Amino acid sequence: MLLAIDIGNTHTVVGLFEKGALRNHWRISSSIARTEDEIAAILNYLFFAEGVTVDQLKGAGISSVVPELTFVYELMCQRYFKLKPLIINADVRLDMAVKYADPSLVGADRLCNAVAGKELYGAPLIVLDFGTATTFDCIDAYGDYIGGVIAPGINTSIEALHAHAAKLPKVSLTFPDNIIGQTTAESIKSGVMFGTVYMLDGMVQALRRELGKNTTVVATGGLSNRVAVKSSKINHIDLHLSLKGIASIYFKNAEL
């Protein structure tokens, strides 16, 4: 089995792959206060509930955008699972060129999405990831990663409004019945939720002018299901694209 760890700013998603297929996955908070001992205890409990023992783990891959947690998870894998994890970055084998001004600055999660997206959906491709940030990652017709767009995430936008405007409430991530809100909560939901949809549809249209009109769009991230139903531009939803990318990159490098 392969242990795939996707450390995001808000949540960390842990996946178990068996014979190349995702067997199960779990989401835990990305708390920088946690130690390697606490994380190991949590994962051991989850594995036990799944009927998995530590000795069944034969490899581990880590994608992280939180440097403080990268080392903690790496140490946890070494100490408790006796595994030296592959830390994913632009220097490992990806089987695609990274045509960024400074490839080392591309988030590991974006690289994982690009690799898995290209393998599963072809190129040219736009990968939309709805997380703490909403990211658009672009793979050209040659299958190379050429950059993308970063916008505020849906949750981030709502939190910012609530934090910086005393009278604006924190609202749920749902679409109101009408675009014109008749309460403050409805107005915020409309601005954030419909605003996100129209932003992404417009951005995809603009990106397709650069990548090609037949560019495929795949959405991933926890909120992709909610947004996709209102979008006219998303072709596929793949909630576990990042985990699949970790597994793919791990096996590419395990062959070396």
C-alpha atoms as a PDB file:
ATOM      1  CA  MET A   1       0.000   0.000   0.000  1.00  0.00           C
ATOM      2  CA  LEU A   2       1.005   3.581  -0.658  1.00  0.00           C
ATOM      3  CA  LEU A   3       0.360   6.372   1.847  1.00  0.00           C
ATOM      4  CA  ALA A   4      -0.418   9.693   0.110  1.00  0.00           C
ATOM      5  CA  ILE A   5      -0.432  12.869   2.218  1.00  0.00           C
ATOM      6  CA  ASP A   6      -1.732  16.156   0.812  1.00  0.00           C
ATOM      7  CA  ILE A   7      -1.012  18.966   3.293  1.00  0.00           C
ATOM      8  CA  GLY A   8      -3.078  22.065   2.550  1.00  0.00           C
ATOM      9  CA  ASN A   9      -3.399  25.363   4.362  1.00  0.00           C
ATOM     10  CA  THR A  10      -6.680  24.400   6.022  1.00  0.00           C
ATOM     11  CA  HIS A  11      -6.932  20.616   5.810  1.00  0.00           C
ATOM     12  CA  THR A  12      -4.635  17.659   5.264  1.00  0.00           C
ATOM     13  CA  VAL A  13      -6.032  14.808   3.196  1.00  0.00           C
ATOM     14  CA  VAL A  14      -4.553  11.361   3.738  1.00  0.00           C
ATOM     15  CA  GLY A  15      -5.164   8.609   1.220  1.00  0.00           C
ATOM     16  CA  LEU A  16      -4.350   4.906   1.056  1.00  0.00           C
ATOM     17  CA  PHE A  17      -3.679   3.403  -2.356  1.00  0.00           C
ATOM     18  CA  GLU A  18      -3.829  -0.353  -2.847  1.00  0.00           C
ATOM     19  CA  LYS A  19      -2.662  -1.791  -6.178  1.00  0.00           C
ATOM     20  CA  GLY A  20      -2.771   1.706  -7.647  1.00  0.00           C
ATOM     21  CA  ALA A  21      -6.380   2.436  -6.664  1.00  0.00           C
ATOM     22  CA  LEU A  22      -7.530   4.772  -3.901  1.00  0.00           C
ATOM     23  CA  ARG A  23      -8.833   2.513  -1.124  1.00  0.00           C
ATOM     24  CA  ASN A  24      -9.860   5.182   1.397  1.00  0.00           C
ATOM     25  CA  HIS A  25      -9.121   8.749   2.393  1.00  0.00           C
ATOM     26  CA  TRP A  26      -9.492  10.977   5.447  1.00  0.00           C
ATOM     27  CA  ARG A  27      -9.430  14.718   6.107  1.00  0.00           C
ATOM     28  CA  ILE A  28      -7.847  16.214   9.236  1.00  0.00           C
ATOM     29  CA  SER A  29      -7.035  19.807  10.167  1.00  0.00           C
ATOM     30  CA  SER A  30      -3.659  21.258   9.177  1.00  0.00           C
ATOM     31  CA  SER A  31      -2.759  22.360  12.679  1.00  0.00           C
ATOM     32  CA  ILE A  32       0.898  23.369  12.970  1.00  0.00           C
ATOM     33  CA  ALA A  33       0.639  22.730  16.710  1.00  0.00           C
ATOM     34  CA  ARG A  34       0.420  18.963  16.196  1.00  0.00           C
ATOM     35  CA  THR A  35       3.519  16.855  16.752  1.00  0.00           C
ATOM     36  CA  GLU A  36       4.595  13.787  14.804  1.00  0.00           C
ATOM     37  CA  ASP A  37       3.429  11.663  17.762  1.00  0.00           C
ATOM     38  CA  GLU A  38      -0.094  13.099  17.660  1.00  0.00           C
ATOM     39  CA  ILE A  39      -0.366  12.686  13.906  1.00  0.00           C
ATOM     40  CA  ALA A  40       0.826   9.082  14.113  1.00  0.00           C
ATOM     41  CA  ALA A  41      -1.772   8.350  16.794  1.00  0.00           C
ATOM     42  CA  ILE A  42      -4.545   9.790  14.607  1.00  0.00           C
ATOM     43  CA  LEU A  43      -3.448   7.860  11.510  1.00  0.00           C
ATOM     44  CA  ASN A  44      -2.987   4.615  13.404  1.00  0.00           C
ATOM     45  CA  TYR A  45      -6.553   4.911  14.696  1.00  0.00           C
ATOM     46  CA  LEU A  46      -7.876   5.560  11.183  1.00  0.00           C
ATOM     47  CA  PHE A  47      -5.869   2.654   9.769  1.00  0.00           C
ATOM     48  CA  PHE A  48      -7.144   0.366  12.520  1.00  0.00           C
ATOM     49  CA  ALA A  49     -10.732   1.260  11.681  1.00  0.00           C
ATOM     50  CA  GLU A  50      -9.971   0.408   8.051  1.00  0.00           C
ATOM     51  CA  GLY A  51      -8.359  -2.911   8.982  1.00  0.00           C
ATOM     52  CA  VAL A  52      -4.910  -1.779   7.843  1.00  0.00           C
ATOM     53  CA  THR A  53      -1.661  -2.375   9.719  1.00  0.00           C
ATOM     54  CA  VAL A  54       1.479  -0.254   9.475  1.00  0.00           C
ATOM     55  CA  ASP A  55       3.525  -3.098   8.006  1.00  0.00           C
ATOM     56  CA  GLN A  56       1.268  -3.056   4.932  1.00  0.00           C
ATOM     57  CA  LEU A  57       2.576   0.404   4.011  1.00  0.00           C
ATOM     58  CA  LYS A  58       5.350   0.109   1.436  1.00  0.00           C
ATOM     59  CA  GLY A  59       5.804   3.737   0.448  1.00  0.00           C
ATOM     60  CA  ALA A  60       4.733   7.317   1.158  1.00  0.00           C
ATOM     61  CA  GLY A  61       4.456  10.532  -0.812  1.00  0.00           C
ATOM     62  CA  ILE A  62       3.932  14.025   0.615  1.00  0.00           C
ATOM     63  CA  SER A  63       2.582  17.109  -1.154  1.00  0.00           C
ATOM     64  CA  SER A  64       2.713  20.124   1.134  1.00  0.00           C
ATOM     65  CA  VAL A  65       2.099  23.866   0.952  1.00  0.00           C
ATOM     66  CA  VAL A  66       2.773  24.277   4.684  1.00  0.00           C
ATOM     67  CA  PRO A  67       6.555  24.074   5.272  1.00  0.00           C
ATOM     68  CA  GLU A  68       6.127  23.842   9.061  1.00  0.00           C
ATOM     69  CA  LEU A  69       4.154  20.613   8.627  1.00  0.00           C
ATOM     70  CA  THR A  70       6.272  19.050   5.879  1.00  0.00           C
ATOM     71  CA  PHE A  71       9.056  18.161   8.311  1.00  0.00           C
ATOM     72  CA  VAL A  72       6.587  16.941  10.969  1.00  0.00           C
ATOM     73  CA  TYR A  73       4.906  14.507   8.576  1.00  0.00           C
ATOM     74  CA  GLU A  74       8.257  13.411   7.153  1.00  0.00           C
ATOM     75  CA  LEU A  75       9.535  12.667  10.652  1.00  0.00           C
ATOM     76  CA  MET A  76       6.291  10.853  11.505  1.00  0.00           C
ATOM     77  CA  CYS A  77       6.639   8.591   8.454  1.00  0.00           C
ATOM     78  CA  GLN A  78      10.243   7.767   9.325  1.00  0.00           C
ATOM     79  CA  ARG A  79       9.721   7.224  13.049  1.00  0.00           C
ATOM     80  CA  TYR A  80       6.408   5.359  13.103  1.00  0.00           C
ATOM     81  CA  PHE A  81       6.048   3.813   9.646  1.00  0.00           C
ATOM     82  CA  LYS A  82       9.748   3.227   8.856  1.00  0.00           C
ATOM     83  CA  LEU A  83       9.295   4.926   5.488  1.00  0.00           C
ATOM     84  CA  LYS A  84      11.302   7.655   3.799  1.00  0.00           C
ATOM     85  CA  PRO A  85       8.601   9.672   2.042  1.00  0.00           C
ATOM     86  CA  LEU A  86       8.974  11.304  -1.341  1.00  0.00           C
ATOM     87  CA  ILE A  87       8.598  15.072  -0.841  1.00  0.00           C
ATOM     88  CA  ILE A  88       7.055  16.370  -4.053  1.00  0.00           C
ATOM     89  CA  ASN A  89       8.441  19.480  -5.727  1.00  0.00           C
ATOM     90  CA  ALA A  90       9.477  20.600  -9.203  1.00  0.00           C
ATOM     91  CA  ASP A  91      12.820  18.771  -8.927  1.00  0.00           C
ATOM     92  CA  VAL A  92      11.358  15.253  -8.840  1.00  0.00           C
ATOM     93  CA  ARG A  93      10.352  13.321 -11.953  1.00  0.00           C
ATOM     94  CA  LEU A  94       6.990  14.586 -13.227  1.00  0.00           C
ATOM     95  CA  ASP A  95       7.125  13.594 -16.914  1.00  0.00           C
ATOM     96  CA  MET A  96       6.210  17.146 -17.839  1.00  0.00           C
ATOM     97  CA  ALA A  97       8.202  20.341 -18.180  1.00  0.00           C
ATOM     98  CA  VAL A  98       7.423  23.067 -15.639  1.00  0.00           C
ATOM     99  CA  LYS A  99       7.601  26.320 -17.610  1.00  0.00           C
ATOM    100  CA  TYR A 100       7.268  28.666 -14.661  1.00  0.00           C
ATOM    101  CA  ALA A 101       9.655  31.578 -14.192  1.00  0.00           C
ATOM    102  CA  ASP A 102      10.904  29.827 -11.045  1.00  0.00           C
ATOM    103  CA  PRO A 103       9.657  26.199 -10.964  1.00  0.00           C
ATOM    104  CA  SER A 104      10.549  25.897  -7.269  1.00  0.00           C
ATOM    105  CA  LEU A 105       7.747  28.367  -6.470  1.00  0.00           C
ATOM    106  CA  VAL A 106       4.959  26.201  -7.910  1.00  0.00           C
ATOM    107  CA  GLY A 107       2.945  24.645  -5.071  1.00  0.00           C
ATOM    108  CA  ALA A 108       3.284  20.877  -4.791  1.00  0.00           C
ATOM    109  CA  ASP A 109      -0.503  20.545  -4.854  1.00  0.00           C
ATOM    110  CA  ARG A 110      -0.619  22.332  -8.213  1.00  0.00           C
ATOM    111  CA  LEU A 111       2.022  19.986  -9.625  1.00  0.00           C
ATOM    112  CA  CYS A 112       0.095  16.935  -8.392  1.00  0.00           C
ATOM    113  CA  ASN A 113      -3.117  18.234  -9.951  1.00  0.00           C
ATOM    114  CA  ALA A 114      -1.341  18.906 -13.237  1.00  0.00           C
ATOM    115  CA  VAL A 115       0.290  15.473 -13.434  1.00  0.00           C
ATOM    116  CA  ALA A 116      -2.852  13.531 -12.580  1.00  0.00           C
ATOM    117  CA  GLY A 117      -5.021  15.798 -14.724  1.00  0.00           C
ATOM    118  CA  LYS A 118      -2.833  15.323 -17.789  1.00  0.00           C
ATOM    119  CA  GLU A 119      -2.755  11.540 -17.342  1.00  0.00           C
ATOM    120  CA  LEU A 120      -6.497  11.181 -16.796  1.00  0.00           C
ATOM    121  CA  TYR A 121      -7.959  13.890 -19.044  1.00  0.00           C
ATOM    122  CA  GLY A 122      -5.289  14.733 -21.609  1.00  0.00           C
ATOM    123  CA  ALA A 123      -3.985  18.076 -22.813  1.00  0.00           C
ATOM    124  CA  PRO A 124      -4.513  20.959 -23.212  1.00  0.00           C
ATOM    125  CA  LEU A 125      -6.107  21.155 -19.790  1.00  0.00           C
ATOM    126  CA  ILE A 126      -7.201  23.575 -17.076  1.00  0.00           C
ATOM    127  CA  VAL A 127      -7.375  22.230 -13.535  1.00  0.00           C
ATOM    128  CA  LEU A 128      -9.609  24.206 -11.171  1.00  0.00           C
ATOM    129  CA  ASP A 129      -8.915  23.577  -7.488  1.00  0.00           C
ATOM    130  CA  PHE A 130     -11.355  24.997  -4.940  1.00  0.00           C
ATOM    131  CA  GLY A 131      -9.402  25.258  -1.711  1.00  0.00           C
ATOM    132  CA  THR A 132      -8.147  28.049   0.542  1.00  0.00           C
ATOM    133  CA  ALA A 133      -7.350  29.679  -2.791  1.00  0.00           C
ATOM    134  CA  THR A 134      -9.118  29.015  -6.072  1.00  0.00           C
ATOM    135  CA  THR A 135      -6.396  28.046  -8.536  1.00  0.00           C
ATOM    136  CA  PHE A 136      -6.389  27.560 -12.295  1.00  0.00           C
ATOM    137  CA  ASP A 137      -3.474  25.419 -13.497  1.00  0.00           C
ATOM    138  CA  CYS A 138      -2.774  25.226 -17.214  1.00  0.00           C
ATOM    139  CA  ILE A 139      -1.231  22.408 -19.232  1.00  0.00           C
ATOM    140  CA  ASP A 140      -0.577  23.240 -22.872  1.00  0.00           C
ATOM    141  CA  ALA A 141      -1.131  21.062 -25.934  1.00  0.00           C
ATOM    142  CA  TYR A 142       2.391  19.641 -25.541  1.00  0.00           C
ATOM    143  CA  GLY A 143       1.571  18.390 -22.047  1.00  0.00           C
ATOM    144  CA  ASP A 144       3.731  20.924 -20.224  1.00  0.00           C
ATOM    145  CA  TYR A 145       2.786  22.941 -17.147  1.00  0.00           C
ATOM    146  CA  ILE A 146       2.863  26.606 -18.172  1.00  0.00           C
ATOM    147  CA  GLY A 147       1.431  28.421 -15.121  1.00  0.00           C
ATOM    148  CA  GLY A 148      -1.983  29.578 -14.076  1.00  0.00           C
ATOM    149  CA  VAL A 149      -4.110  31.888 -11.989  1.00  0.00           C
ATOM    150  CA  ILE A 150      -4.606  32.222  -8.219  1.00  0.00           C
ATOM    151  CA  ALA A 151      -7.743  33.851  -6.802  1.00  0.00           C
ATOM    152  CA  PRO A 152      -9.198  34.019  -3.263  1.00  0.00           C
ATOM    153  CA  GLY A 153     -11.016  30.846  -2.237  1.00  0.00           C
ATOM    154  CA  ILE A 154     -14.722  30.790  -1.432  1.00  0.00           C
ATOM    155  CA  ASN A 155     -14.211  30.230   2.300  1.00  0.00           C
ATOM    156  CA  THR A 156     -11.411  32.776   2.348  1.00  0.00           C
ATOM    157  CA  SER A 157     -13.676  35.420   0.813  1.00  0.00           C
ATOM    158  CA  ILE A 158     -16.459  34.801   3.318  1.00  0.00           C
ATOM    159  CA  GLU A 159     -14.036  34.811   6.264  1.00  0.00           C
ATOM    160  CA  ALA A 160     -12.476  38.072   5.060  1.00  0.00           C
ATOM    161  CA  LEU A 161     -15.838  39.819   4.761  1.00  0.00           C
ATOM    162  CA  HIS A 162     -16.860  38.662   8.221  1.00  0.00           C
ATOM    163  CA  ALA A 163     -13.515  39.595   9.777  1.00  0.00           C
ATOM    164  CA  HIS A 164     -13.244  43.093   8.313  1.00  0.00           C
ATOM    165  CA  ALA A 165     -16.854  44.288   8.334  1.00  0.00           C
ATOM    166  CA  ALA A 166     -18.456  44.235  11.781  1.00  0.00           C
ATOM    167  CA  LYS A 167     -22.053  43.967  10.568  1.00  0.00           C
ATOM    168  CA  LEU A 168     -21.517  41.335   7.876  1.00  0.00           C
ATOM    169  CA  PRO A 169     -22.389  37.837   9.139  1.00  0.00           C
ATOM    170  CA  LYS A 170     -20.536  34.644   8.372  1.00  0.00           C
ATOM    171  CA  VAL A 171     -22.751  32.705   5.966  1.00  0.00           C
ATOM    172  CA  SER A 172     -23.047  29.115   4.736  1.00  0.00           C
ATOM    173  CA  LEU A 173     -21.572  28.071   1.400  1.00  0.00           C
ATOM    174  CA  THR A 174     -24.869  27.740  -0.469  1.00  0.00           C
ATOM    175  CA  PHE A 175     -26.404  29.492  -3.448  1.00  0.00           C
ATOM    176  CA  PRO A 176     -29.363  31.802  -2.745  1.00  0.00           C
ATOM    177  CA  ASP A 177     -32.510  31.348  -4.845  1.00  0.00           C
ATOM    178  CA  ASN A 178     -31.971  34.657  -6.640  1.00  0.00           C
ATOM    179  CA  ILE A 179     -28.944  36.724  -7.566  1.00  0.00           C
ATOM    180  CA  ILE A 180     -30.506  39.821  -6.031  1.00  0.00           C
ATOM    181  CA  GLY A 181     -30.328  39.208  -2.298  1.00  0.00           C
ATOM    182  CA  GLN A 182     -33.095  40.552  -0.074  1.00  0.00           C
ATOM    183  CA  THR A 183     -31.175  40.046   3.157  1.00  0.00           C
ATOM    184  CA  THR A 184     -27.554  40.718   4.043  1.00  0.00           C
ATOM    185  CA  ALA A 185     -26.850  36.977   4.227  1.00  0.00           C
ATOM    186  CA  GLU A 186     -28.412  36.371   0.806  1.00  0.00           C
ATOM    187  CA  SER A 187     -26.461  39.273  -0.651  1.00  0.00           C
ATOM    188  CA  ILE A 188     -23.151  37.890   0.642  1.00  0.00           C
ATOM    189  CA  LYS A 189     -23.970  34.393  -0.612  1.00  0.00           C
ATOM    190  CA  SER A 190     -24.834  35.795  -4.024  1.00  0.00           C
ATOM    191  CA  GLY A 191     -21.672  37.866  -4.228  1.00  0.00           C
ATOM    192  CA  VAL A 192     -19.371  35.066  -3.151  1.00  0.00           C
ATOM    193  CA  MET A 193     -21.031  31.994  -4.702  1.00  0.00           C
ATOM    194  CA  PHE A 194     -22.385  33.418  -7.964  1.00  0.00           C
ATOM    195  CA  GLY A 195     -19.365  35.722  -8.143  1.00  0.00           C
ATOM    196  CA  THR A 196     -17.083  32.683  -8.036  1.00  0.00           C
ATOM    197  CA  VAL A 197     -19.036  30.931 -10.806  1.00  0.00           C
ATOM    198  CA  TYR A 198     -19.006  33.936 -13.139  1.00  0.00           C
ATOM    199  CA  MET A 199     -15.364  34.612 -12.358  1.00  0.00           C
ATOM    200  CA  LEU A 200     -14.351  31.044 -13.191  1.00  0.00           C
ATOM    201  CA  ASP A 201     -16.508  30.859 -16.328  1.00  0.00           C
ATOM    202  CA  GLY A 202     -15.049  34.126 -17.576  1.00  0.00           C
ATOM    203  CA  MET A 203     -11.513  33.095 -16.654  1.00  0.00           C
ATOM    204  CA  VAL A 204     -11.861  29.732 -18.402  1.00  0.00           C
ATOM    205  CA  GLN A 205     -13.137  31.479 -21.513  1.00  0.00           C
ATOM    206  CA  ALA A 206     -10.114  33.789 -21.463  1.00  0.00           C
ATOM    207  CA  LEU A 207      -7.662  30.930 -20.798  1.00  0.00           C
ATOM    208  CA  ARG A 208      -9.119  28.923 -23.681  1.00  0.00           C
ATOM    209  CA  ARG A 209      -8.227  31.782 -26.013  1.00  0.00           C
ATOM    210  CA  GLU A 210      -4.585  31.145 -25.050  1.00  0.00           C
ATOM    211  CA  LEU A 211      -4.668  27.345 -24.719  1.00  0.00           C
ATOM    212  CA  GLY A 212      -7.175  26.437 -27.442  1.00  0.00           C
ATOM    213  CA  LYS A 213     -10.948  26.400 -27.631  1.00  0.00           C
ATOM    214  CA  ASN A 214     -11.127  22.638 -27.035  1.00  0.00           C
ATOM    215  CA  THR A 215      -9.207  22.778 -23.738  1.00  0.00           C
ATOM    216  CA  THR A 216     -10.717  20.421 -21.161  1.00  0.00           C
ATOM    217  CA  VAL A 217     -11.592  21.738 -17.696  1.00  0.00           C
ATOM    218  CA  VAL A 218     -11.507  19.492 -14.635  1.00  0.00           C
ATOM    219  CA  ALA A 219     -12.502  20.677 -11.157  1.00  0.00           C
ATOM    220  CA  THR A 220     -11.221  19.332  -7.866  1.00  0.00           C
ATOM    221  CA  GLY A 221     -11.297  20.322  -4.203  1.00  0.00           C
ATOM    222  CA  GLY A 222     -13.948  19.976  -1.537  1.00  0.00           C
ATOM    223  CA  LEU A 223     -16.256  22.666  -2.954  1.00  0.00           C
ATOM    224  CA  SER A 224     -16.046  21.643  -6.608  1.00  0.00           C
ATOM    225  CA  ASN A 225     -19.344  19.732  -6.502  1.00  0.00           C
ATOM    226  CA  ARG A 226     -21.230  22.764  -5.228  1.00  0.00           C
ATOM    227  CA  VAL A 227     -19.837  25.161  -7.794  1.00  0.00           C
ATOM    228  CA  ALA A 228     -19.857  22.844 -10.818  1.00  0.00           C
ATOM    229  CA  VAL A 229     -23.650  22.604 -10.933  1.00  0.00           C
ATOM    230  CA  LYS A 230     -23.842  26.336 -11.715  1.00  0.00           C
ATOM    231  CA  SER A 231     -20.887  26.499 -14.116  1.00  0.00           C
ATOM    232  CA  SER A 232     -21.140  26.057 -17.878  1.00  0.00           C
ATOM    233  CA  LYS A 233     -17.405  25.491 -18.374  1.00  0.00           C
ATOM    234  CA  ILE A 234     -16.470  22.502 -16.187  1.00  0.00           C
ATOM    235  CA  ASN A 235     -16.193  19.183 -18.072  1.00  0.00           C
ATOM    236  CA  HIS A 236     -15.215  16.842 -15.232  1.00  0.00           C
ATOM    237  CA  ILE A 237     -15.174  16.710 -11.428  1.00  0.00           C
ATOM    238  CA  ASP A 238     -12.447  14.675  -9.734  1.00  0.00           C
ATOM    239  CA  LEU A 239     -12.470  15.187  -5.973  1.00  0.00           C
ATOM    240  CA  HIS A 240      -9.269  13.218  -5.360  1.00  0.00           C
ATOM    241  CA  LEU A 241      -7.066  14.540  -8.161  1.00  0.00           C
ATOM    242  CA  SER A 242      -4.290  15.707  -5.804  1.00  0.00           C
ATOM    243  CA  LEU A 243      -4.058  12.317  -4.101  1.00  0.00           C
ATOM    244  CA  LYS A 244      -3.955  10.591  -7.492  1.00  0.00           C
ATOM    245  CA  GLY A 245      -1.175  12.953  -8.502  1.00  0.00           C
ATOM    246  CA  ILE A 246       0.843  12.091  -5.393  1.00  0.00           C
ATOM    247  CA  ALA A 247       0.513   8.389  -6.177  1.00  0.00           C
ATOM    248  CA  SER A 248       1.460   8.878  -9.824  1.00  0.00           C
ATOM    249  CA  ILE A 249       4.520  10.984  -9.013  1.00  0.00           C
ATOM    250  CA  TYR A 250       5.614   8.545  -6.314  1.00  0.00           C
ATOM    251  CA  PHE A 251       5.594   5.617  -8.731  1.00  0.00           C
ATOM    252  CA  LYS A 252       7.397   7.625 -11.438  1.00  0.00           C
ATOM    253  CA  ASN A 253      10.218   8.280  -8.986  1.00  0.00           C
ATOM    254  CA  ALA A 254      10.183   4.795  -7.468  1.00  0.00           C
ATOM    255  CA  GLU A 255      11.198   3.455 -10.887  1.00  0.00           C
ATOM    256  CA  LEU A 256      14.478   5.435 -10.857  1.00  0.00           C
END
